[in-house]
Amino acid sequence: MPQSDIFTICTILGGLVSLGYFWDKILGLFGRGPEIKWVHLGYPTESGLQQKIEKAGFSVRWASENNLANKKDSSVVTIKHLFRKSSIFKVKSGNDNLVLVKKGTHNP
């Protein structure tokens, strides 16, 4: 068997092994819903996320996950990433989780 055929076969097999190894991550990119990042109450300030959102004209606060439907004037903070799923931020709090939301502070 010529050496070029061996390299071709090895390249194909290596690609298949890599695909199998990363298959769950690849499927995760196309999965439903954003990735949930479990954080602590001070995360928005400590990470600089709150400052970025406020600079864009929004206020930031934690809202009860069970009451999100009642928050018509607020939206869940969603961070979009280039090569992975978008993220939302939650805090475990007793029987109800808290979700990071933003609300516009100016009128367009």
C-alpha atoms as a PDB file:
ATOM      1  CA  MET A   1       0.000   0.000   0.000  1.00  0.00           C
ATOM      2  CA  PRO A   2       1.453   3.392  -0.965  1.00  0.00           C
ATOM      3  CA  GLN A   3       2.399   5.788   1.826  1.00  0.00           C
ATOM      4  CA  SER A   4      -0.083   8.447   0.600  1.00  0.00           C
ATOM      5  CA  ASP A   5      -2.957   5.970   1.026  1.00  0.00           C
ATOM      6  CA  ILE A   6      -1.878   5.248   4.599  1.00  0.00           C
ATOM      7  CA  PHE A   7      -1.843   8.977   5.403  1.00  0.00           C
ATOM      8  CA  THR A   8      -5.290   9.379   3.855  1.00  0.00           C
ATOM      9  CA  ILE A   9      -6.726   6.510   5.892  1.00  0.00           C
ATOM     10  CA  CYS A  10      -5.117   7.819   9.116  1.00  0.00           C
ATOM     11  CA  THR A  11      -6.468  11.310   8.466  1.00  0.00           C
ATOM     12  CA  ILE A  12     -10.000   9.998   7.936  1.00  0.00           C
ATOM     13  CA  LEU A  13      -9.827   7.749  11.012  1.00  0.00           C
ATOM     14  CA  GLY A  14      -8.464  10.619  13.115  1.00  0.00           C
ATOM     15  CA  GLY A  15     -11.304  12.858  11.973  1.00  0.00           C
ATOM     16  CA  LEU A  16     -13.886  10.205  12.857  1.00  0.00           C
ATOM     17  CA  VAL A  17     -12.369   9.698  16.306  1.00  0.00           C
ATOM     18  CA  SER A  18     -12.391  13.468  16.910  1.00  0.00           C
ATOM     19  CA  LEU A  19     -15.984  13.735  15.759  1.00  0.00           C
ATOM     20  CA  GLY A  20     -17.007  10.947  18.132  1.00  0.00           C
ATOM     21  CA  TYR A  21     -15.126  12.525  21.020  1.00  0.00           C
ATOM     22  CA  PHE A  22     -16.741  15.939  20.547  1.00  0.00           C
ATOM     23  CA  TRP A  23     -20.175  14.726  19.399  1.00  0.00           C
ATOM     24  CA  ASP A  24     -21.988  15.798  22.604  1.00  0.00           C
ATOM     25  CA  LYS A  25     -20.491  19.285  22.387  1.00  0.00           C
ATOM     26  CA  ILE A  26     -21.416  19.575  18.718  1.00  0.00           C
ATOM     27  CA  LEU A  27     -25.015  18.564  19.431  1.00  0.00           C
ATOM     28  CA  GLY A  28     -25.094  21.006  22.368  1.00  0.00           C
ATOM     29  CA  LEU A  29     -24.488  23.896  19.985  1.00  0.00           C
ATOM     30  CA  PHE A  30     -27.742  23.122  18.227  1.00  0.00           C
ATOM     31  CA  GLY A  31     -29.745  22.128  21.311  1.00  0.00           C
ATOM     32  CA  ARG A  32     -32.796  23.951  22.513  1.00  0.00           C
ATOM     33  CA  GLY A  33     -32.628  26.852  24.882  1.00  0.00           C
ATOM     34  CA  PRO A  34     -29.697  28.714  26.334  1.00  0.00           C
ATOM     35  CA  GLU A  35     -27.109  27.318  28.704  1.00  0.00           C
ATOM     36  CA  ILE A  36     -27.946  28.057  32.347  1.00  0.00           C
ATOM     37  CA  LYS A  37     -25.056  29.493  34.338  1.00  0.00           C
ATOM     38  CA  TRP A  38     -25.582  29.028  38.076  1.00  0.00           C
ATOM     39  CA  VAL A  39     -23.989  31.989  39.810  1.00  0.00           C
ATOM     40  CA  HIS A  40     -24.184  33.879  43.119  1.00  0.00           C
ATOM     41  CA  LEU A  41     -26.062  37.132  43.783  1.00  0.00           C
ATOM     42  CA  GLY A  42     -22.959  39.310  43.374  1.00  0.00           C
ATOM     43  CA  TYR A  43     -21.944  37.829  40.012  1.00  0.00           C
ATOM     44  CA  PRO A  44     -23.350  40.580  37.745  1.00  0.00           C
ATOM     45  CA  THR A  45     -21.360  43.288  39.540  1.00  0.00           C
ATOM     46  CA  GLU A  46     -18.185  41.263  40.098  1.00  0.00           C
ATOM     47  CA  SER A  47     -18.023  40.070  36.471  1.00  0.00           C
ATOM     48  CA  GLY A  48     -18.654  43.523  34.966  1.00  0.00           C
ATOM     49  CA  LEU A  49     -21.841  42.288  33.300  1.00  0.00           C
ATOM     50  CA  GLN A  50     -24.063  44.705  35.211  1.00  0.00           C
ATOM     51  CA  GLN A  51     -21.962  47.703  34.185  1.00  0.00           C
ATOM     52  CA  LYS A  52     -22.118  46.688  30.504  1.00  0.00           C
ATOM     53  CA  ILE A  53     -25.895  46.286  30.613  1.00  0.00           C
ATOM     54  CA  GLU A  54     -26.390  49.588  32.454  1.00  0.00           C
ATOM     55  CA  LYS A  55     -24.149  51.346  29.921  1.00  0.00           C
ATOM     56  CA  ALA A  56     -26.551  50.095  27.224  1.00  0.00           C
ATOM     57  CA  GLY A  57     -29.451  51.828  29.026  1.00  0.00           C
ATOM     58  CA  PHE A  58     -30.934  49.067  31.163  1.00  0.00           C
ATOM     59  CA  SER A  59     -31.251  48.386  34.857  1.00  0.00           C
ATOM     60  CA  VAL A  60     -30.418  44.906  36.137  1.00  0.00           C
ATOM     61  CA  ARG A  61     -32.060  42.908  38.903  1.00  0.00           C
ATOM     62  CA  TRP A  62     -32.888  39.376  40.009  1.00  0.00           C
ATOM     63  CA  ALA A  63     -36.463  38.178  39.499  1.00  0.00           C
ATOM     64  CA  SER A  64     -38.288  35.110  40.742  1.00  0.00           C
ATOM     65  CA  GLU A  65     -38.398  32.448  38.038  1.00  0.00           C
ATOM     66  CA  ASN A  66     -42.043  31.691  38.902  1.00  0.00           C
ATOM     67  CA  ASN A  67     -43.053  35.335  38.352  1.00  0.00           C
ATOM     68  CA  LEU A  68     -41.293  35.944  35.023  1.00  0.00           C
ATOM     69  CA  ALA A  69     -44.569  35.792  33.106  1.00  0.00           C
ATOM     70  CA  ASN A  70     -45.810  38.774  35.137  1.00  0.00           C
ATOM     71  CA  LYS A  71     -42.745  40.873  34.285  1.00  0.00           C
ATOM     72  CA  LYS A  72     -43.921  42.291  30.958  1.00  0.00           C
ATOM     73  CA  ASP A  73     -41.529  45.252  31.187  1.00  0.00           C
ATOM     74  CA  SER A  74     -38.434  43.088  31.813  1.00  0.00           C
ATOM     75  CA  SER A  75     -36.535  40.539  29.768  1.00  0.00           C
ATOM     76  CA  VAL A  76     -34.134  37.789  30.760  1.00  0.00           C
ATOM     77  CA  VAL A  77     -30.483  38.775  30.335  1.00  0.00           C
ATOM     78  CA  THR A  78     -29.155  36.558  27.542  1.00  0.00           C
ATOM     79  CA  ILE A  79     -25.523  36.622  26.499  1.00  0.00           C
ATOM     80  CA  LYS A  80     -24.857  35.375  22.982  1.00  0.00           C
ATOM     81  CA  HIS A  81     -21.588  33.572  22.283  1.00  0.00           C
ATOM     82  CA  LEU A  82     -19.921  33.121  18.924  1.00  0.00           C
ATOM     83  CA  PHE A  83     -19.189  29.386  19.007  1.00  0.00           C
ATOM     84  CA  ARG A  84     -21.477  28.063  21.734  1.00  0.00           C
ATOM     85  CA  LYS A  85     -24.978  28.371  23.045  1.00  0.00           C
ATOM     86  CA  SER A  86     -26.171  31.609  24.576  1.00  0.00           C
ATOM     87  CA  SER A  87     -26.208  31.891  28.378  1.00  0.00           C
ATOM     88  CA  ILE A  88     -28.691  33.011  31.010  1.00  0.00           C
ATOM     89  CA  PHE A  89     -27.897  33.475  34.690  1.00  0.00           C
ATOM     90  CA  LYS A  90     -29.686  31.936  37.667  1.00  0.00           C
ATOM     91  CA  VAL A  91     -29.283  31.762  41.440  1.00  0.00           C
ATOM     92  CA  LYS A  92     -30.661  28.960  43.583  1.00  0.00           C
ATOM     93  CA  SER A  93     -32.973  30.480  46.169  1.00  0.00           C
ATOM     94  CA  GLY A  94     -35.127  28.203  48.309  1.00  0.00           C
ATOM     95  CA  ASN A  95     -38.090  26.773  46.403  1.00  0.00           C
ATOM     96  CA  ASP A  96     -37.804  29.287  43.578  1.00  0.00           C
ATOM     97  CA  ASN A  97     -34.781  30.164  41.468  1.00  0.00           C
ATOM     98  CA  LEU A  98     -33.878  33.748  40.648  1.00  0.00           C
ATOM     99  CA  VAL A  99     -33.171  34.815  37.068  1.00  0.00           C
ATOM    100  CA  LEU A 100     -31.162  37.862  35.998  1.00  0.00           C
ATOM    101  CA  VAL A 101     -33.416  40.304  34.115  1.00  0.00           C
ATOM    102  CA  LYS A 102     -33.009  43.733  32.573  1.00  0.00           C
ATOM    103  CA  LYS A 103     -35.428  46.604  32.175  1.00  0.00           C
ATOM    104  CA  GLY A 104     -35.048  49.632  29.929  1.00  0.00           C
ATOM    105  CA  THR A 105     -34.377  52.853  31.819  1.00  0.00           C
ATOM    106  CA  HIS A 106     -34.963  55.221  28.921  1.00  0.00           C
ATOM    107  CA  ASN A 107     -37.720  55.757  26.408  1.00  0.00           C
ATOM    108  CA  PRO A 108     -36.670  55.366  22.758  1.00  0.00           C
END
